[in-house]
Structure formats: C-alpha cells, structure tokens
Amino acid sequence: LRHKLLKMMYDSKLSKKYSVEKLMLELSKIRKIVLANGKEVTSEITK
C-alpha cells in the first residue's frame, strides 16, 4: 500500500510537495461523522 501510494504521488507530482507521512497526516484530519438520525456528514475539507 505504501509503495502504491508513493507511485500515485510521483505520477501526480505530489512527491515534490509532500512526503508519504506528511500526506497521510494531512488526510487523516478528514472525518466523517454519523449523526443520531443516521445521516453522514464529512468534516470541512481544507484547500
């Protein structure tokens, strides 16, 4: 999985800006919350 992500990063030129760890840390901040009524809400996604 790590090497697949790394290949995707190289193909999309993200490897110039992010390391795998930094990219995963940034994406780990996104949350999906299930409300009491069953509706799913995704937290605000940053730029």
All heavy atoms as atom14 arrays in JSON, in Angstrom:
{
  "sequence": "LRHKLLKMMYDSKLSKKYSVEKLMLELSKIRKIVLANGKEVTSEITK",
  "atom14_mask": [
    [1, 1, 1, 1, 1, 1, 1, 1, 0, 0, 0, 0, 0, 0],
    [1, 1, 1, 1, 1, 1, 1, 1, 1, 1, 1, 0, 0, 0],
    [1, 1, 1, 1, 1, 1, 1, 1, 1, 1, 0, 0, 0, 0],
    [1, 1, 1, 1, 1, 1, 1, 1, 1, 0, 0, 0, 0, 0],
    [1, 1, 1, 1, 1, 1, 1, 1, 0, 0, 0, 0, 0, 0],
    [1, 1, 1, 1, 1, 1, 1, 1, 0, 0, 0, 0, 0, 0],
    [1, 1, 1, 1, 1, 1, 1, 1, 1, 0, 0, 0, 0, 0],
    [1, 1, 1, 1, 1, 1, 1, 1, 0, 0, 0, 0, 0, 0],
    [1, 1, 1, 1, 1, 1, 1, 1, 0, 0, 0, 0, 0, 0],
    [1, 1, 1, 1, 1, 1, 1, 1, 1, 1, 1, 1, 0, 0],
    [1, 1, 1, 1, 1, 1, 1, 1, 0, 0, 0, 0, 0, 0],
    [1, 1, 1, 1, 1, 1, 0, 0, 0, 0, 0, 0, 0, 0],
    [1, 1, 1, 1, 1, 1, 1, 1, 1, 0, 0, 0, 0, 0],
    [1, 1, 1, 1, 1, 1, 1, 1, 0, 0, 0, 0, 0, 0],
    [1, 1, 1, 1, 1, 1, 0, 0, 0, 0, 0, 0, 0, 0],
    [1, 1, 1, 1, 1, 1, 1, 1, 1, 0, 0, 0, 0, 0],
    [1, 1, 1, 1, 1, 1, 1, 1, 1, 0, 0, 0, 0, 0],
    [1, 1, 1, 1, 1, 1, 1, 1, 1, 1, 1, 1, 0, 0],
    [1, 1, 1, 1, 1, 1, 0, 0, 0, 0, 0, 0, 0, 0],
    [1, 1, 1, 1, 1, 1, 1, 0, 0, 0, 0, 0, 0, 0],
    [1, 1, 1, 1, 1, 1, 1, 1, 1, 0, 0, 0, 0, 0],
    [1, 1, 1, 1, 1, 1, 1, 1, 1, 0, 0, 0, 0, 0],
    [1, 1, 1, 1, 1, 1, 1, 1, 0, 0, 0, 0, 0, 0],
    [1, 1, 1, 1, 1, 1, 1, 1, 0, 0, 0, 0, 0, 0],
    [1, 1, 1, 1, 1, 1, 1, 1, 0, 0, 0, 0, 0, 0],
    [1, 1, 1, 1, 1, 1, 1, 1, 1, 0, 0, 0, 0, 0],
    [1, 1, 1, 1, 1, 1, 1, 1, 0, 0, 0, 0, 0, 0],
    [1, 1, 1, 1, 1, 1, 0, 0, 0, 0, 0, 0, 0, 0],
    [1, 1, 1, 1, 1, 1, 1, 1, 1, 0, 0, 0, 0, 0],
    [1, 1, 1, 1, 1, 1, 1, 1, 0, 0, 0, 0, 0, 0],
    [1, 1, 1, 1, 1, 1, 1, 1, 1, 1, 1, 0, 0, 0],
    [1, 1, 1, 1, 1, 1, 1, 1, 1, 0, 0, 0, 0, 0],
    [1, 1, 1, 1, 1, 1, 1, 1, 0, 0, 0, 0, 0, 0],
    [1, 1, 1, 1, 1, 1, 1, 0, 0, 0, 0, 0, 0, 0],
    [1, 1, 1, 1, 1, 1, 1, 1, 0, 0, 0, 0, 0, 0],
    [1, 1, 1, 1, 1, 0, 0, 0, 0, 0, 0, 0, 0, 0],
    [1, 1, 1, 1, 1, 1, 1, 1, 0, 0, 0, 0, 0, 0],
    [1, 1, 1, 1, 0, 0, 0, 0, 0, 0, 0, 0, 0, 0],
    [1, 1, 1, 1, 1, 1, 1, 1, 1, 0, 0, 0, 0, 0],
    [1, 1, 1, 1, 1, 1, 1, 1, 1, 0, 0, 0, 0, 0],
    [1, 1, 1, 1, 1, 1, 1, 0, 0, 0, 0, 0, 0, 0],
    [1, 1, 1, 1, 1, 1, 1, 0, 0, 0, 0, 0, 0, 0],
    [1, 1, 1, 1, 1, 1, 0, 0, 0, 0, 0, 0, 0, 0],
    [1, 1, 1, 1, 1, 1, 1, 1, 1, 0, 0, 0, 0, 0],
    [1, 1, 1, 1, 1, 1, 1, 1, 0, 0, 0, 0, 0, 0],
    [1, 1, 1, 1, 1, 1, 1, 0, 0, 0, 0, 0, 0, 0],
    [1, 1, 1, 1, 1, 1, 1, 1, 1, 0, 0, 0, 0, 0]
  ],
  "atom14_positions": [
    [[0.82, -1.21, 0.0], [0.0, 0.0, 0.0], [0.86, 1.26, 0.0], [0.54, 2.24, -0.68], [-0.95, 0.0, 1.19], [-2.05, -1.06, 1.15], [-2.83, -1.06, 2.46], [-2.97, -0.83, -0.03], [0.0, 0.0, 0.0], [0.0, 0.0, 0.0], [0.0, 0.0, 0.0], [0.0, 0.0, 0.0], [0.0, 0.0, 0.0], [0.0, 0.0, 0.0]],
    [[1.93, 1.25, 0.78], [2.81, 2.42, 0.84], [3.44, 2.71, -0.52], [3.5, 3.85, -0.97], [3.9, 2.21, 1.89], [4.76, 3.42, 2.1], [5.79, 3.18, 3.18], [6.3, 4.41, 3.71], [7.15, 5.21, 3.08], [7.55, 4.92, 1.88], [7.57, 6.32, 3.64], [0.0, 0.0, 0.0], [0.0, 0.0, 0.0], [0.0, 0.0, 0.0]],
    [[3.9, 1.66, -1.19], [4.53, 1.87, -2.49], [3.52, 2.22, -3.58], [3.85, 2.95, -4.51], [5.39, 0.67, -2.88], [6.72, 0.7, -2.2], [7.79, 1.37, -2.72], [7.13, 0.21, -1.02], [8.82, 1.27, -1.89], [8.44, 0.57, -0.86], [0.0, 0.0, 0.0], [0.0, 0.0, 0.0], [0.0, 0.0, 0.0], [0.0, 0.0, 0.0]],
    [[2.31, 1.73, -3.47], [1.26, 2.14, -4.4], [0.95, 3.63, -4.22], [0.84, 4.37, -5.21], [0.0, 1.3, -4.15], [-1.2, 1.71, -4.95], [-1.03, 1.47, -6.43], [-2.32, 1.82, -7.17], [-2.16, 1.79, -8.59], [0.0, 0.0, 0.0], [0.0, 0.0, 0.0], [0.0, 0.0, 0.0], [0.0, 0.0, 0.0], [0.0, 0.0, 0.0]],
    [[0.84, 4.07, -2.96], [0.61, 5.49, -2.69], [1.78, 6.33, -3.19], [1.59, 7.4, -3.77], [0.37, 5.72, -1.21], [0.15, 7.16, -0.76], [-1.07, 7.75, -1.44], [0.01, 7.24, 0.74], [0.0, 0.0, 0.0], [0.0, 0.0, 0.0], [0.0, 0.0, 0.0], [0.0, 0.0, 0.0], [0.0, 0.0, 0.0], [0.0, 0.0, 0.0]],
    [[2.99, 5.86, -2.97], [4.17, 6.59, -3.43], [4.18, 6.72, -4.94], [4.5, 7.79, -5.48], [5.43, 5.87, -2.94], [6.73, 6.63, -2.94], [6.61, 7.91, -2.15], [7.84, 5.77, -2.38], [0.0, 0.0, 0.0], [0.0, 0.0, 0.0], [0.0, 0.0, 0.0], [0.0, 0.0, 0.0], [0.0, 0.0, 0.0], [0.0, 0.0, 0.0]],
    [[3.8, 5.67, -5.64], [3.73, 5.73, -7.11], [2.66, 6.73, -7.55], [2.88, 7.51, -8.49], [3.44, 4.36, -7.69], [3.44, 4.33, -9.21], [3.2, 2.97, -9.75], [3.24, 2.87, -11.25], [2.88, 4.01, -12.02], [0.0, 0.0, 0.0], [0.0, 0.0, 0.0], [0.0, 0.0, 0.0], [0.0, 0.0, 0.0], [0.0, 0.0, 0.0]],
    [[1.51, 6.71, -6.88], [0.46, 7.68, -7.21], [0.94, 9.1, -6.96], [0.64, 10.01, -7.73], [-0.79, 7.39, -6.38], [-1.52, 6.13, -6.77], [-2.82, 5.66, -5.61], [-4.0, 6.99, -5.85], [0.0, 0.0, 0.0], [0.0, 0.0, 0.0], [0.0, 0.0, 0.0], [0.0, 0.0, 0.0], [0.0, 0.0, 0.0], [0.0, 0.0, 0.0]],
    [[1.72, 9.3, -5.89], [2.25, 10.63, -5.59], [3.23, 11.08, -6.67], [3.23, 12.24, -7.07], [2.91, 10.63, -4.22], [1.95, 10.55, -3.06], [2.77, 10.38, -1.47], [3.68, 11.92, -1.36], [0.0, 0.0, 0.0], [0.0, 0.0, 0.0], [0.0, 0.0, 0.0], [0.0, 0.0, 0.0], [0.0, 0.0, 0.0], [0.0, 0.0, 0.0]],
    [[4.11, 10.18, -7.12], [5.06, 10.54, -8.18], [4.34, 10.86, -9.48], [4.69, 11.81, -10.17], [6.07, 9.42, -8.41], [7.21, 9.43, -7.43], [7.43, 8.36, -6.59], [8.08, 10.52, -7.34], [8.46, 8.37, -5.68], [9.12, 10.54, -6.44], [9.3, 9.45, -5.61], [10.33, 9.47, -4.71], [0.0, 0.0, 0.0], [0.0, 0.0, 0.0]],
    [[3.33, 10.06, -9.81], [2.59, 10.29, -11.05], [1.86, 11.62, -11.04], [1.73, 12.27, -12.08], [1.6, 9.15, -11.29], [2.29, 7.84, -11.62], [3.5, 7.87, -11.95], [1.63, 6.78, -11.54], [0.0, 0.0, 0.0], [0.0, 0.0, 0.0], [0.0, 0.0, 0.0], [0.0, 0.0, 0.0], [0.0, 0.0, 0.0], [0.0, 0.0, 0.0]],
    [[1.36, 12.03, -9.88], [0.61, 13.29, -9.79], [1.48, 14.47, -9.33], [0.96, 15.54, -9.06], [-0.57, 13.12, -8.84], [-0.1, 12.86, -7.53], [0.0, 0.0, 0.0], [0.0, 0.0, 0.0], [0.0, 0.0, 0.0], [0.0, 0.0, 0.0], [0.0, 0.0, 0.0], [0.0, 0.0, 0.0], [0.0, 0.0, 0.0], [0.0, 0.0, 0.0]],
    [[2.77, 14.26, -9.21], [3.74, 15.31, -8.83], [3.56, 15.8, -7.39], [4.05, 16.85, -7.03], [3.67, 16.51, -9.78], [3.79, 16.17, -11.25], [5.19, 15.82, -11.64], [5.37, 15.71, -13.12], [5.23, 14.4, -13.68], [0.0, 0.0, 0.0], [0.0, 0.0, 0.0], [0.0, 0.0, 0.0], [0.0, 0.0, 0.0], [0.0, 0.0, 0.0]],
    [[2.84, 15.04, -6.57], [2.68, 15.42, -5.16], [3.94, 15.14, -4.35], [4.13, 15.72, -3.28], [1.5, 14.67, -4.53], [0.12, 15.2, -4.81], [-0.94, 14.27, -4.26], [-0.06, 16.59, -4.26], [0.0, 0.0, 0.0], [0.0, 0.0, 0.0], [0.0, 0.0, 0.0], [0.0, 0.0, 0.0], [0.0, 0.0, 0.0], [0.0, 0.0, 0.0]],
    [[4.8, 14.27, -4.85], [6.0, 13.91, -4.1], [6.97, 15.08, -3.98], [7.84, 15.08, -3.12], [6.7, 12.73, -4.76], [7.04, 13.05, -6.09], [0.0, 0.0, 0.0], [0.0, 0.0, 0.0], [0.0, 0.0, 0.0], [0.0, 0.0, 0.0], [0.0, 0.0, 0.0], [0.0, 0.0, 0.0], [0.0, 0.0, 0.0], [0.0, 0.0, 0.0]],
    [[6.81, 16.09, -4.82], [7.67, 17.28, -4.72], [7.28, 18.13, -3.53], [8.09, 18.87, -2.99], [7.59, 18.1, -6.0], [8.17, 17.4, -7.2], [8.03, 18.23, -8.44], [8.62, 17.48, -9.63], [8.46, 18.21, -10.88], [0.0, 0.0, 0.0], [0.0, 0.0, 0.0], [0.0, 0.0, 0.0], [0.0, 0.0, 0.0], [0.0, 0.0, 0.0]],
    [[6.01, 18.02, -3.12], [5.47, 18.87, -2.06], [5.3, 18.14, -0.73], [5.4, 18.75, 0.33], [4.11, 19.38, -2.52], [3.83, 20.79, -2.22], [2.53, 21.22, -2.86], [2.13, 22.55, -2.31], [0.85, 22.99, -2.81], [0.0, 0.0, 0.0], [0.0, 0.0, 0.0], [0.0, 0.0, 0.0], [0.0, 0.0, 0.0], [0.0, 0.0, 0.0]],
    [[5.02, 16.84, -0.78], [4.69, 16.07, 0.43], [5.5, 14.79, 0.5], [5.8, 14.18, -0.52], [3.2, 15.67, 0.43], [2.23, 16.81, 0.43], [1.62, 17.23, -0.75], [1.89, 17.46, 1.6], [0.71, 18.27, -0.76], [0.98, 18.51, 1.59], [0.4, 18.89, 0.41], [-0.5, 19.93, 0.41], [0.0, 0.0, 0.0], [0.0, 0.0, 0.0]],
    [[5.81, 14.39, 1.72], [6.29, 13.02, 1.94], [5.06, 12.16, 2.18], [3.95, 12.67, 2.37], [7.21, 12.99, 3.17], [6.47, 13.28, 4.33], [0.0, 0.0, 0.0], [0.0, 0.0, 0.0], [0.0, 0.0, 0.0], [0.0, 0.0, 0.0], [0.0, 0.0, 0.0], [0.0, 0.0, 0.0], [0.0, 0.0, 0.0], [0.0, 0.0, 0.0]],
    [[5.23, 10.85, 2.19], [4.09, 9.95, 2.43], [3.51, 10.22, 3.81], [2.29, 10.3, 3.98], [4.52, 8.48, 2.29], [3.38, 7.55, 2.69], [4.96, 8.17, 0.88], [0.0, 0.0, 0.0], [0.0, 0.0, 0.0], [0.0, 0.0, 0.0], [0.0, 0.0, 0.0], [0.0, 0.0, 0.0], [0.0, 0.0, 0.0], [0.0, 0.0, 0.0]],
    [[4.37, 10.41, 4.79], [3.92, 10.64, 6.16], [3.15, 11.95, 6.27], [2.11, 12.03, 6.91], [5.11, 10.63, 7.13], [5.75, 9.27, 7.31], [6.64, 8.84, 6.16], [7.04, 9.71, 5.34], [6.92, 7.64, 6.06], [0.0, 0.0, 0.0], [0.0, 0.0, 0.0], [0.0, 0.0, 0.0], [0.0, 0.0, 0.0], [0.0, 0.0, 0.0]],
    [[3.67, 13.0, 5.64], [3.0, 14.31, 5.7], [1.65, 14.25, 4.98], [0.67, 14.82, 5.46], [3.9, 15.38, 5.07], [3.4, 16.78, 5.24], [4.4, 17.79, 4.71], [3.87, 19.19, 4.84], [4.79, 20.18, 4.3], [0.0, 0.0, 0.0], [0.0, 0.0, 0.0], [0.0, 0.0, 0.0], [0.0, 0.0, 0.0], [0.0, 0.0, 0.0]],
    [[1.61, 13.55, 3.86], [0.35, 13.42, 3.13], [-0.68, 12.65, 3.95], [-1.84, 13.06, 4.05], [0.6, 12.69, 1.8], [-0.61, 12.54, 0.9], [-0.28, 13.04, -0.49], [-1.04, 11.1, 0.83], [0.0, 0.0, 0.0], [0.0, 0.0, 0.0], [0.0, 0.0, 0.0], [0.0, 0.0, 0.0], [0.0, 0.0, 0.0], [0.0, 0.0, 0.0]],
    [[-0.27, 11.57, 4.58], [-1.19, 10.77, 5.4], [-1.66, 11.57, 6.61], [-2.83, 11.47, 7.0], [-0.52, 9.47, 5.85], [-0.25, 8.51, 4.71], [-1.72, 8.0, 3.85], [-2.49, 7.0, 5.07], [0.0, 0.0, 0.0], [0.0, 0.0, 0.0], [0.0, 0.0, 0.0], [0.0, 0.0, 0.0], [0.0, 0.0, 0.0], [0.0, 0.0, 0.0]],
    [[-0.78, 12.35, 7.2], [-1.16, 13.18, 8.34], [-2.21, 14.21, 7.93], [-3.2, 14.42, 8.65], [0.06, 13.88, 8.93], [-0.19, 14.78, 10.12], [-0.67, 13.96, 11.31], [1.07, 15.54, 10.49], [0.0, 0.0, 0.0], [0.0, 0.0, 0.0], [0.0, 0.0, 0.0], [0.0, 0.0, 0.0], [0.0, 0.0, 0.0], [0.0, 0.0, 0.0]],
    [[-2.02, 14.81, 6.77], [-2.97, 15.81, 6.29], [-4.33, 15.18, 6.0], [-5.37, 15.72, 6.37], [-2.42, 16.48, 5.03], [-3.16, 17.71, 4.6], [-3.09, 18.84, 5.61], [-2.02, 19.1, 6.18], [-4.15, 19.47, 5.83], [0.0, 0.0, 0.0], [0.0, 0.0, 0.0], [0.0, 0.0, 0.0], [0.0, 0.0, 0.0], [0.0, 0.0, 0.0]],
    [[-4.34, 14.01, 5.38], [-5.61, 13.35, 5.05], [-6.28, 12.74, 6.27], [-7.5, 12.55, 6.28], [-5.4, 12.28, 3.98], [-5.05, 12.79, 2.59], [-4.84, 11.62, 1.64], [-6.11, 13.73, 2.06], [0.0, 0.0, 0.0], [0.0, 0.0, 0.0], [0.0, 0.0, 0.0], [0.0, 0.0, 0.0], [0.0, 0.0, 0.0], [0.0, 0.0, 0.0]],
    [[-5.5, 12.44, 7.3], [-6.1, 11.84, 8.5], [-6.96, 12.82, 9.29], [-7.72, 12.42, 10.16], [-5.0, 11.27, 9.41], [-4.26, 12.31, 10.0], [0.0, 0.0, 0.0], [0.0, 0.0, 0.0], [0.0, 0.0, 0.0], [0.0, 0.0, 0.0], [0.0, 0.0, 0.0], [0.0, 0.0, 0.0], [0.0, 0.0, 0.0], [0.0, 0.0, 0.0]],
    [[-6.86, 14.09, 8.96], [-7.66, 15.1, 9.65], [-9.1, 15.16, 9.15], [-9.95, 15.79, 9.77], [-7.0, 16.47, 9.49], [-5.63, 16.56, 10.11], [-4.97, 17.88, 9.76], [-3.52, 17.91, 10.22], [-2.83, 19.12, 9.75], [0.0, 0.0, 0.0], [0.0, 0.0, 0.0], [0.0, 0.0, 0.0], [0.0, 0.0, 0.0], [0.0, 0.0, 0.0]],
    [[-9.37, 14.51, 8.03], [-10.73, 14.5, 7.47], [-11.54, 13.48, 8.26], [-11.1, 12.36, 8.51], [-10.73, 14.12, 5.98], [-9.88, 15.09, 5.18], [-12.15, 14.08, 5.44], [-9.68, 14.69, 3.74], [0.0, 0.0, 0.0], [0.0, 0.0, 0.0], [0.0, 0.0, 0.0], [0.0, 0.0, 0.0], [0.0, 0.0, 0.0], [0.0, 0.0, 0.0]],
    [[-12.74, 13.87, 8.67], [-13.61, 12.99, 9.46], [-14.98, 12.88, 8.81], [-15.47, 13.83, 8.21], [-13.8, 13.54, 10.87], [-12.53, 13.68, 11.65], [-12.12, 12.33, 12.19], [-10.98, 12.48, 13.06], [-9.91, 11.72, 12.99], [-9.83, 10.79, 12.09], [-8.92, 11.89, 13.82], [0.0, 0.0, 0.0], [0.0, 0.0, 0.0], [0.0, 0.0, 0.0]],
    [[-15.57, 11.71, 8.93], [-16.96, 11.5, 8.54], [-17.71, 11.1, 9.79], [-17.36, 10.13, 10.46], [-17.07, 10.41, 7.47], [-18.5, 10.25, 6.96], [-18.58, 9.24, 5.85], [-18.24, 9.93, 4.55], [-18.48, 9.07, 3.37], [0.0, 0.0, 0.0], [0.0, 0.0, 0.0], [0.0, 0.0, 0.0], [0.0, 0.0, 0.0], [0.0, 0.0, 0.0]],
    [[-18.73, 11.86, 10.11], [-19.47, 11.68, 11.35], [-20.87, 11.18, 11.02], [-21.52, 11.7, 10.11], [-19.53, 13.0, 12.14], [-18.11, 13.51, 12.4], [-20.31, 12.84, 13.43], [-18.03, 14.96, 12.79], [0.0, 0.0, 0.0], [0.0, 0.0, 0.0], [0.0, 0.0, 0.0], [0.0, 0.0, 0.0], [0.0, 0.0, 0.0], [0.0, 0.0, 0.0]],
    [[-21.32, 10.2, 11.77], [-22.68, 9.7, 11.6], [-23.54, 10.32, 12.69], [-23.28, 10.14, 13.89], [-22.74, 8.15, 11.69], [-24.16, 7.66, 11.51], [-21.81, 7.53, 10.67], [0.0, 0.0, 0.0], [0.0, 0.0, 0.0], [0.0, 0.0, 0.0], [0.0, 0.0, 0.0], [0.0, 0.0, 0.0], [0.0, 0.0, 0.0], [0.0, 0.0, 0.0]],
    [[-24.54, 11.07, 12.28], [-25.43, 11.74, 13.23], [-26.43, 10.74, 13.81], [-26.55, 9.61, 13.32], [-26.16, 12.89, 12.54], [-25.25, 13.98, 11.94], [-26.08, 15.0, 11.2], [-24.41, 14.64, 13.01], [0.0, 0.0, 0.0], [0.0, 0.0, 0.0], [0.0, 0.0, 0.0], [0.0, 0.0, 0.0], [0.0, 0.0, 0.0], [0.0, 0.0, 0.0]],
    [[-27.15, 11.17, 14.85], [-28.12, 10.3, 15.51], [-29.21, 9.82, 14.56], [-29.71, 8.7, 14.7], [-28.73, 11.01, 16.71], [0.0, 0.0, 0.0], [0.0, 0.0, 0.0], [0.0, 0.0, 0.0], [0.0, 0.0, 0.0], [0.0, 0.0, 0.0], [0.0, 0.0, 0.0], [0.0, 0.0, 0.0], [0.0, 0.0, 0.0], [0.0, 0.0, 0.0]],
    [[-29.56, 10.63, 13.58], [-30.61, 10.24, 12.64], [-30.07, 9.35, 11.5], [-30.8, 9.01, 10.59], [-31.31, 11.47, 12.05], [-30.37, 12.36, 11.27], [-29.19, 12.06, 11.09], [-30.9, 13.49, 10.8], [0.0, 0.0, 0.0], [0.0, 0.0, 0.0], [0.0, 0.0, 0.0], [0.0, 0.0, 0.0], [0.0, 0.0, 0.0], [0.0, 0.0, 0.0]],
    [[-28.78, 9.0, 11.55], [-28.19, 8.12, 10.54], [-27.54, 8.84, 9.37], [-26.9, 8.21, 8.53], [0.0, 0.0, 0.0], [0.0, 0.0, 0.0], [0.0, 0.0, 0.0], [0.0, 0.0, 0.0], [0.0, 0.0, 0.0], [0.0, 0.0, 0.0], [0.0, 0.0, 0.0], [0.0, 0.0, 0.0], [0.0, 0.0, 0.0], [0.0, 0.0, 0.0]],
    [[-27.66, 10.14, 9.3], [-27.09, 10.92, 8.21], [-25.57, 11.05, 8.42], [-25.11, 11.29, 9.52], [-27.74, 12.3, 8.15], [-27.27, 13.15, 7.0], [-27.98, 14.49, 6.97], [-27.43, 15.32, 5.83], [-28.02, 16.66, 5.82], [0.0, 0.0, 0.0], [0.0, 0.0, 0.0], [0.0, 0.0, 0.0], [0.0, 0.0, 0.0], [0.0, 0.0, 0.0]],
    [[-24.82, 10.89, 7.33], [-23.36, 11.0, 7.38], [-22.94, 12.4, 6.93], [-23.39, 12.89, 5.9], [-22.72, 9.96, 6.49], [-22.96, 8.54, 6.94], [-22.33, 7.52, 6.01], [-21.73, 7.92, 4.99], [-22.43, 6.34, 6.32], [0.0, 0.0, 0.0], [0.0, 0.0, 0.0], [0.0, 0.0, 0.0], [0.0, 0.0, 0.0], [0.0, 0.0, 0.0]],
    [[-22.07, 13.02, 7.72], [-21.57, 14.36, 7.42], [-20.05, 14.31, 7.42], [-19.44, 13.81, 8.37], [-22.07, 15.38, 8.48], [-21.52, 16.76, 8.18], [-23.57, 15.4, 8.55], [0.0, 0.0, 0.0], [0.0, 0.0, 0.0], [0.0, 0.0, 0.0], [0.0, 0.0, 0.0], [0.0, 0.0, 0.0], [0.0, 0.0, 0.0], [0.0, 0.0, 0.0]],
    [[-19.44, 14.81, 6.35], [-17.99, 14.88, 6.27], [-17.53, 16.22, 6.79], [-18.13, 17.25, 6.49], [-17.53, 14.7, 4.8], [-18.05, 13.48, 4.3], [-16.02, 14.67, 4.7], [0.0, 0.0, 0.0], [0.0, 0.0, 0.0], [0.0, 0.0, 0.0], [0.0, 0.0, 0.0], [0.0, 0.0, 0.0], [0.0, 0.0, 0.0], [0.0, 0.0, 0.0]],
    [[-16.45, 16.2, 7.58], [-15.92, 17.46, 8.11], [-15.45, 18.34, 6.96], [-15.27, 17.88, 5.83], [-14.77, 17.19, 9.07], [-13.7, 16.59, 8.38], [0.0, 0.0, 0.0], [0.0, 0.0, 0.0], [0.0, 0.0, 0.0], [0.0, 0.0, 0.0], [0.0, 0.0, 0.0], [0.0, 0.0, 0.0], [0.0, 0.0, 0.0], [0.0, 0.0, 0.0]],
    [[-15.25, 19.61, 7.25], [-14.83, 20.54, 6.21], [-13.47, 20.12, 5.66], [-12.55, 19.8, 6.42], [-14.75, 21.96, 6.79], [-14.44, 23.0, 5.75], [-14.45, 24.4, 6.33], [-14.93, 24.59, 7.45], [-13.97, 25.3, 5.64], [0.0, 0.0, 0.0], [0.0, 0.0, 0.0], [0.0, 0.0, 0.0], [0.0, 0.0, 0.0], [0.0, 0.0, 0.0]],
    [[-13.34, 20.14, 4.35], [-12.1, 19.75, 3.7], [-11.31, 21.01, 3.36], [-11.83, 21.91, 2.68], [-12.39, 18.92, 2.44], [-13.09, 17.62, 2.85], [-11.13, 18.62, 1.66], [-13.53, 16.76, 1.7], [0.0, 0.0, 0.0], [0.0, 0.0, 0.0], [0.0, 0.0, 0.0], [0.0, 0.0, 0.0], [0.0, 0.0, 0.0], [0.0, 0.0, 0.0]],
    [[-10.08, 21.07, 3.82], [-9.24, 22.25, 3.6], [-8.74, 22.29, 2.15], [-8.87, 21.33, 1.4], [-8.04, 22.26, 4.55], [-7.21, 21.14, 4.23], [-8.48, 22.19, 6.0], [0.0, 0.0, 0.0], [0.0, 0.0, 0.0], [0.0, 0.0, 0.0], [0.0, 0.0, 0.0], [0.0, 0.0, 0.0], [0.0, 0.0, 0.0], [0.0, 0.0, 0.0]],
    [[-8.11, 23.4, 1.82], [-7.58, 23.57, 0.47], [-6.48, 22.54, 0.18], [-6.44, 21.96, -0.91], [-7.04, 24.99, 0.3], [-6.56, 25.32, -1.09], [-6.1, 26.77, -1.18], [-5.59, 27.07, -2.57], [-5.1, 28.45, -2.68], [0.0, 0.0, 0.0], [0.0, 0.0, 0.0], [0.0, 0.0, 0.0], [0.0, 0.0, 0.0], [0.0, 0.0, 0.0]]
  ]
}
